[in-house]
């Protein structure tokens, strides 16, 4: 098993990040064009805790090496199952995802959190701490050396995709702030 970890601070409030998270795979994000569809399977609020739990199926177009597809079969379409928890009282979003495609060869378990960065925030300038951890395990049979190579290549690709994902989310956050700011200004103008 190999582990990928990263941390990043977004220059946006937790409210902005937790709201924009639902629009992460939209036309504003030109870094996530590989995402074909996001289907919500279930969504419910726990009445005791106020935590919103959502299950989604994310369908992607991933370029698998041609030799992998010819050897193992399949296609370039892959599916990821995601469960997220939004706790407004704790100001914490936790998203857990796992790959459904190729899971008999490679298992990827990712956990992402968004929470206020209290060390870098100031009134009127809130920031959000983003953490991302992925455990990548080659479960295919064969030599350990081959499994290790598969895991190392997967971590490298995961790292590249994570960087593009952050850049894309920044674009979504920027556009969201602008659009919602314009809408607030229009509403204020109507009142005066």
C-alpha atoms as a PDB file:
ATOM      1  CA  UNK A   1       0.000   0.000   0.000  1.00  0.00           C
ATOM      2  CA  UNK A   2       1.143   3.519  -0.858  1.00  0.00           C
ATOM      3  CA  UNK A   3      -0.269   6.686   0.671  1.00  0.00           C
ATOM      4  CA  UNK A   4      -0.781  10.077  -0.941  1.00  0.00           C
ATOM      5  CA  UNK A   5      -1.333  13.062   1.371  1.00  0.00           C
ATOM      6  CA  UNK A   6      -1.696  16.739   0.723  1.00  0.00           C
ATOM      7  CA  UNK A   7      -2.839  19.879   2.488  1.00  0.00           C
ATOM      8  CA  UNK A   8      -3.852  23.196   1.023  1.00  0.00           C
ATOM      9  CA  UNK A   9      -5.383  26.403   2.319  1.00  0.00           C
ATOM     10  CA  UNK A  10      -8.098  27.986   0.206  1.00  0.00           C
ATOM     11  CA  UNK A  11      -8.440  31.747   0.506  1.00  0.00           C
ATOM     12  CA  UNK A  12     -12.207  31.344   0.892  1.00  0.00           C
ATOM     13  CA  UNK A  13     -14.455  30.822   3.897  1.00  0.00           C
ATOM     14  CA  UNK A  14     -15.715  27.396   4.923  1.00  0.00           C
ATOM     15  CA  UNK A  15     -19.229  28.462   3.875  1.00  0.00           C
ATOM     16  CA  UNK A  16     -17.981  29.276   0.384  1.00  0.00           C
ATOM     17  CA  UNK A  17     -15.984  26.027   0.095  1.00  0.00           C
ATOM     18  CA  UNK A  18     -18.712  23.774   1.456  1.00  0.00           C
ATOM     19  CA  UNK A  19     -21.290  25.334  -0.881  1.00  0.00           C
ATOM     20  CA  UNK A  20     -19.052  25.372  -3.971  1.00  0.00           C
ATOM     21  CA  UNK A  21     -18.124  21.750  -3.320  1.00  0.00           C
ATOM     22  CA  UNK A  22     -21.477  20.711  -4.831  1.00  0.00           C
ATOM     23  CA  UNK A  23     -20.559  22.586  -8.029  1.00  0.00           C
ATOM     24  CA  UNK A  24     -17.027  21.212  -8.230  1.00  0.00           C
ATOM     25  CA  UNK A  25     -17.729  19.361 -11.505  1.00  0.00           C
ATOM     26  CA  UNK A  26     -19.458  22.114 -13.439  1.00  0.00           C
ATOM     27  CA  UNK A  27     -18.622  24.061 -16.620  1.00  0.00           C
ATOM     28  CA  UNK A  28     -16.711  26.621 -14.501  1.00  0.00           C
ATOM     29  CA  UNK A  29     -14.120  23.918 -13.802  1.00  0.00           C
ATOM     30  CA  UNK A  30     -12.135  23.381 -16.996  1.00  0.00           C
ATOM     31  CA  UNK A  31      -9.755  21.056 -15.119  1.00  0.00           C
ATOM     32  CA  UNK A  32     -12.392  18.346 -14.582  1.00  0.00           C
ATOM     33  CA  UNK A  33     -13.548  17.719 -18.125  1.00  0.00           C
ATOM     34  CA  UNK A  34     -12.922  14.002 -17.519  1.00  0.00           C
ATOM     35  CA  UNK A  35     -16.000  13.906 -15.241  1.00  0.00           C
ATOM     36  CA  UNK A  36     -18.909  12.769 -17.398  1.00  0.00           C
ATOM     37  CA  UNK A  37     -21.670  12.626 -14.781  1.00  0.00           C
ATOM     38  CA  UNK A  38     -22.350  13.036 -11.067  1.00  0.00           C
ATOM     39  CA  UNK A  39     -25.441  11.189  -9.881  1.00  0.00           C
ATOM     40  CA  UNK A  40     -26.829  11.677  -6.382  1.00  0.00           C
ATOM     41  CA  UNK A  41     -27.935   8.298  -5.053  1.00  0.00           C
ATOM     42  CA  UNK A  42     -29.217   9.466  -1.665  1.00  0.00           C
ATOM     43  CA  UNK A  43     -29.247  12.549   0.530  1.00  0.00           C
ATOM     44  CA  UNK A  44     -30.521  12.847   4.086  1.00  0.00           C
ATOM     45  CA  UNK A  45     -30.102  14.998   7.172  1.00  0.00           C
ATOM     46  CA  UNK A  46     -29.712  13.286  10.526  1.00  0.00           C
ATOM     47  CA  UNK A  47     -32.297  15.042  12.737  1.00  0.00           C
ATOM     48  CA  UNK A  48     -30.235  14.450  15.889  1.00  0.00           C
ATOM     49  CA  UNK A  49     -26.902  15.808  14.623  1.00  0.00           C
ATOM     50  CA  UNK A  50     -27.888  18.004  11.652  1.00  0.00           C
ATOM     51  CA  UNK A  51     -25.272  16.228   9.516  1.00  0.00           C
ATOM     52  CA  UNK A  52     -26.081  16.019   5.817  1.00  0.00           C
ATOM     53  CA  UNK A  53     -25.073  12.617   4.396  1.00  0.00           C
ATOM     54  CA  UNK A  54     -24.910  12.274   0.611  1.00  0.00           C
ATOM     55  CA  UNK A  55     -24.016   9.318  -1.590  1.00  0.00           C
ATOM     56  CA  UNK A  56     -22.973   9.983  -5.168  1.00  0.00           C
ATOM     57  CA  UNK A  57     -21.770   8.012  -8.173  1.00  0.00           C
ATOM     58  CA  UNK A  58     -19.157   9.857 -10.214  1.00  0.00           C
ATOM     59  CA  UNK A  59     -18.571   8.676 -13.782  1.00  0.00           C
ATOM     60  CA  UNK A  60     -15.267   9.611 -15.411  1.00  0.00           C
ATOM     61  CA  UNK A  61     -13.464   9.163 -18.679  1.00  0.00           C
ATOM     62  CA  UNK A  62      -9.949   8.043 -17.739  1.00  0.00           C
ATOM     63  CA  UNK A  63      -7.255   7.243 -20.243  1.00  0.00           C
ATOM     64  CA  UNK A  64      -6.085   3.791 -19.242  1.00  0.00           C
ATOM     65  CA  UNK A  65      -3.023   2.559 -21.113  1.00  0.00           C
ATOM     66  CA  UNK A  66      -4.046   0.617 -24.233  1.00  0.00           C
ATOM     67  CA  UNK A  67      -2.070  -2.429 -23.100  1.00  0.00           C
ATOM     68  CA  UNK A  68      -4.057  -2.541 -19.836  1.00  0.00           C
ATOM     69  CA  UNK A  69      -7.393  -2.506 -21.672  1.00  0.00           C
ATOM     70  CA  UNK A  70      -6.241  -5.111 -24.211  1.00  0.00           C
ATOM     71  CA  UNK A  71      -4.869  -7.359 -21.458  1.00  0.00           C
ATOM     72  CA  UNK A  72      -7.637  -6.960 -18.879  1.00  0.00           C
ATOM     73  CA  UNK A  73     -10.612  -5.789 -20.927  1.00  0.00           C
ATOM     74  CA  UNK A  74     -12.892  -2.946 -19.969  1.00  0.00           C
ATOM     75  CA  UNK A  75     -13.122   0.604 -21.226  1.00  0.00           C
ATOM     76  CA  UNK A  76     -11.952   4.118 -20.438  1.00  0.00           C
ATOM     77  CA  UNK A  77     -15.122   4.827 -18.437  1.00  0.00           C
ATOM     78  CA  UNK A  78     -14.698   4.481 -14.695  1.00  0.00           C
ATOM     79  CA  UNK A  79     -16.941   4.881 -11.653  1.00  0.00           C
ATOM     80  CA  UNK A  80     -16.230   6.232  -8.190  1.00  0.00           C
ATOM     81  CA  UNK A  81     -18.549   5.889  -5.188  1.00  0.00           C
ATOM     82  CA  UNK A  82     -18.492   8.876  -2.816  1.00  0.00           C
ATOM     83  CA  UNK A  83     -20.083   9.393   0.590  1.00  0.00           C
ATOM     84  CA  UNK A  84     -19.932  12.867   2.083  1.00  0.00           C
ATOM     85  CA  UNK A  85     -20.833  14.280   5.483  1.00  0.00           C
ATOM     86  CA  UNK A  86     -21.459  17.983   6.037  1.00  0.00           C
ATOM     87  CA  UNK A  87     -21.571  19.049   9.678  1.00  0.00           C
ATOM     88  CA  UNK A  88     -22.691  22.686   9.919  1.00  0.00           C
ATOM     89  CA  UNK A  89     -22.219  22.775  13.703  1.00  0.00           C
ATOM     90  CA  UNK A  90     -18.576  21.610  13.455  1.00  0.00           C
ATOM     91  CA  UNK A  91     -18.023  23.416  10.139  1.00  0.00           C
ATOM     92  CA  UNK A  92     -16.562  20.280   8.621  1.00  0.00           C
ATOM     93  CA  UNK A  93     -17.065  18.534   5.280  1.00  0.00           C
ATOM     94  CA  UNK A  94     -15.728  14.979   5.041  1.00  0.00           C
ATOM     95  CA  UNK A  95     -15.818  13.117   1.744  1.00  0.00           C
ATOM     96  CA  UNK A  96     -14.868   9.443   1.420  1.00  0.00           C
ATOM     97  CA  UNK A  97     -14.556   7.839  -1.991  1.00  0.00           C
ATOM     98  CA  UNK A  98     -13.521   4.546  -3.473  1.00  0.00           C
ATOM     99  CA  UNK A  99     -13.072   3.310  -7.005  1.00  0.00           C
ATOM    100  CA  UNK A 100     -15.574   0.785  -8.324  1.00  0.00           C
ATOM    101  CA  UNK A 101     -13.836   0.241 -11.656  1.00  0.00           C
ATOM    102  CA  UNK A 102     -10.723  -1.969 -11.624  1.00  0.00           C
ATOM    103  CA  UNK A 103     -11.216  -2.542  -7.869  1.00  0.00           C
ATOM    104  CA  UNK A 104     -10.142  -6.170  -8.293  1.00  0.00           C
ATOM    105  CA  UNK A 105      -6.716  -4.878  -9.408  1.00  0.00           C
ATOM    106  CA  UNK A 106      -6.259  -1.569  -7.603  1.00  0.00           C
ATOM    107  CA  UNK A 107      -8.135  -0.171  -4.620  1.00  0.00           C
ATOM    108  CA  UNK A 108      -8.118   3.563  -3.989  1.00  0.00           C
ATOM    109  CA  UNK A 109      -9.648   4.871  -0.768  1.00  0.00           C
ATOM    110  CA  UNK A 110      -9.643   8.671  -0.549  1.00  0.00           C
ATOM    111  CA  UNK A 111     -10.675  10.949   2.315  1.00  0.00           C
ATOM    112  CA  UNK A 112     -10.990  14.708   1.878  1.00  0.00           C
ATOM    113  CA  UNK A 113     -11.890  17.273   4.522  1.00  0.00           C
ATOM    114  CA  UNK A 114     -12.678  20.978   4.447  1.00  0.00           C
ATOM    115  CA  UNK A 115     -12.688  22.927   7.706  1.00  0.00           C
ATOM    116  CA  UNK A 116     -12.004  26.512   8.773  1.00  0.00           C
ATOM    117  CA  UNK A 117      -8.316  27.338   9.075  1.00  0.00           C
ATOM    118  CA  UNK A 118      -8.428  29.211  12.356  1.00  0.00           C
ATOM    119  CA  UNK A 119      -4.660  29.833  12.372  1.00  0.00           C
ATOM    120  CA  UNK A 120      -4.687  31.733   9.053  1.00  0.00           C
ATOM    121  CA  UNK A 121      -8.098  33.417   9.214  1.00  0.00           C
ATOM    122  CA  UNK A 122      -9.019  36.862  10.404  1.00  0.00           C
ATOM    123  CA  UNK A 123     -12.409  38.614  10.562  1.00  0.00           C
ATOM    124  CA  UNK A 124     -13.538  39.321   7.008  1.00  0.00           C
ATOM    125  CA  UNK A 125     -10.757  37.140   5.610  1.00  0.00           C
ATOM    126  CA  UNK A 126     -11.664  33.548   6.440  1.00  0.00           C
ATOM    127  CA  UNK A 127      -9.677  30.674   4.996  1.00  0.00           C
ATOM    128  CA  UNK A 128     -10.387  26.954   4.677  1.00  0.00           C
ATOM    129  CA  UNK A 129      -8.006  24.076   5.327  1.00  0.00           C
ATOM    130  CA  UNK A 130      -8.237  21.247   2.798  1.00  0.00           C
ATOM    131  CA  UNK A 131      -6.691  17.864   3.567  1.00  0.00           C
ATOM    132  CA  UNK A 132      -6.575  14.910   1.232  1.00  0.00           C
ATOM    133  CA  UNK A 133      -5.374  11.379   1.962  1.00  0.00           C
ATOM    134  CA  UNK A 134      -5.515   8.396  -0.363  1.00  0.00           C
ATOM    135  CA  UNK A 135      -4.545   4.813   0.351  1.00  0.00           C
ATOM    136  CA  UNK A 136      -3.651   3.032  -2.873  1.00  0.00           C
ATOM    137  CA  UNK A 137      -3.322  -0.748  -2.808  1.00  0.00           C
ATOM    138  CA  UNK A 138      -2.556  -3.066  -5.718  1.00  0.00           C
ATOM    139  CA  UNK A 139      -4.531  -6.238  -5.023  1.00  0.00           C
ATOM    140  CA  UNK A 140      -3.677  -8.074  -8.204  1.00  0.00           C
ATOM    141  CA  UNK A 141      -1.783 -11.310  -7.870  1.00  0.00           C
ATOM    142  CA  UNK A 142       1.834 -11.650  -8.870  1.00  0.00           C
ATOM    143  CA  UNK A 143       5.129 -10.424  -7.611  1.00  0.00           C
ATOM    144  CA  UNK A 144       5.393  -7.777  -4.966  1.00  0.00           C
ATOM    145  CA  UNK A 145       7.716  -5.806  -7.260  1.00  0.00           C
ATOM    146  CA  UNK A 146       4.932  -5.520  -9.873  1.00  0.00           C
ATOM    147  CA  UNK A 147       2.350  -4.487  -7.266  1.00  0.00           C
ATOM    148  CA  UNK A 148       4.774  -1.880  -5.904  1.00  0.00           C
ATOM    149  CA  UNK A 149       5.318  -0.439  -9.405  1.00  0.00           C
ATOM    150  CA  UNK A 150       1.550  -0.254  -9.974  1.00  0.00           C
ATOM    151  CA  UNK A 151       1.081   1.533  -6.631  1.00  0.00           C
ATOM    152  CA  UNK A 152       3.925   3.985  -7.298  1.00  0.00           C
ATOM    153  CA  UNK A 153       2.601   4.845 -10.766  1.00  0.00           C
ATOM    154  CA  UNK A 154      -0.894   5.280  -9.307  1.00  0.00           C
ATOM    155  CA  UNK A 155       0.335   7.631  -6.570  1.00  0.00           C
ATOM    156  CA  UNK A 156       2.153   9.727  -9.172  1.00  0.00           C
ATOM    157  CA  UNK A 157      -0.979   9.972 -11.321  1.00  0.00           C
ATOM    158  CA  UNK A 158      -3.120  10.681  -8.252  1.00  0.00           C
ATOM    159  CA  UNK A 159      -0.771  13.529  -7.305  1.00  0.00           C
ATOM    160  CA  UNK A 160      -1.066  15.086 -10.787  1.00  0.00           C
ATOM    161  CA  UNK A 161      -4.866  14.770 -10.728  1.00  0.00           C
ATOM    162  CA  UNK A 162      -5.029  16.257  -7.206  1.00  0.00           C
ATOM    163  CA  UNK A 163      -3.123  19.349  -8.364  1.00  0.00           C
ATOM    164  CA  UNK A 164      -5.492  19.826 -11.316  1.00  0.00           C
ATOM    165  CA  UNK A 165      -8.450  19.248  -8.986  1.00  0.00           C
ATOM    166  CA  UNK A 166      -7.332  22.038  -6.632  1.00  0.00           C
ATOM    167  CA  UNK A 167      -6.786  24.411  -9.558  1.00  0.00           C
ATOM    168  CA  UNK A 168     -10.238  23.604 -10.921  1.00  0.00           C
ATOM    169  CA  UNK A 169     -11.889  24.078  -7.541  1.00  0.00           C
ATOM    170  CA  UNK A 170     -10.172  27.484  -7.210  1.00  0.00           C
ATOM    171  CA  UNK A 171     -11.841  28.487 -10.501  1.00  0.00           C
ATOM    172  CA  UNK A 172     -15.231  27.325  -9.194  1.00  0.00           C
ATOM    173  CA  UNK A 173     -14.718  29.243  -5.940  1.00  0.00           C
ATOM    174  CA  UNK A 174     -13.704  32.403  -7.788  1.00  0.00           C
ATOM    175  CA  UNK A 175     -16.691  32.247 -10.134  1.00  0.00           C
ATOM    176  CA  UNK A 176     -19.082  31.438  -7.273  1.00  0.00           C
ATOM    177  CA  UNK A 177     -17.875  34.417  -5.256  1.00  0.00           C
ATOM    178  CA  UNK A 178     -18.280  36.720  -8.247  1.00  0.00           C
ATOM    179  CA  UNK A 179     -21.725  35.450  -9.302  1.00  0.00           C
ATOM    180  CA  UNK A 180     -23.146  35.418  -5.767  1.00  0.00           C
ATOM    181  CA  UNK A 181     -21.665  38.860  -5.123  1.00  0.00           C
ATOM    182  CA  UNK A 182     -23.383  40.201  -8.246  1.00  0.00           C
ATOM    183  CA  UNK A 183     -26.689  38.640  -7.163  1.00  0.00           C
ATOM    184  CA  UNK A 184     -26.393  40.149  -3.662  1.00  0.00           C
ATOM    185  CA  UNK A 185     -25.691  43.556  -5.212  1.00  0.00           C
ATOM    186  CA  UNK A 186     -28.800  43.264  -7.427  1.00  0.00           C
ATOM    187  CA  UNK A 187     -30.933  42.330  -4.424  1.00  0.00           C
ATOM    188  CA  UNK A 188     -29.559  45.254  -2.406  1.00  0.00           C
ATOM    189  CA  UNK A 189     -30.251  47.634  -5.331  1.00  0.00           C
ATOM    190  CA  UNK A 190     -33.890  46.461  -5.419  1.00  0.00           C
ATOM    191  CA  UNK A 191     -34.275  47.296  -1.720  1.00  0.00           C
ATOM    192  CA  UNK A 192     -33.025  50.876  -2.127  1.00  0.00           C
END
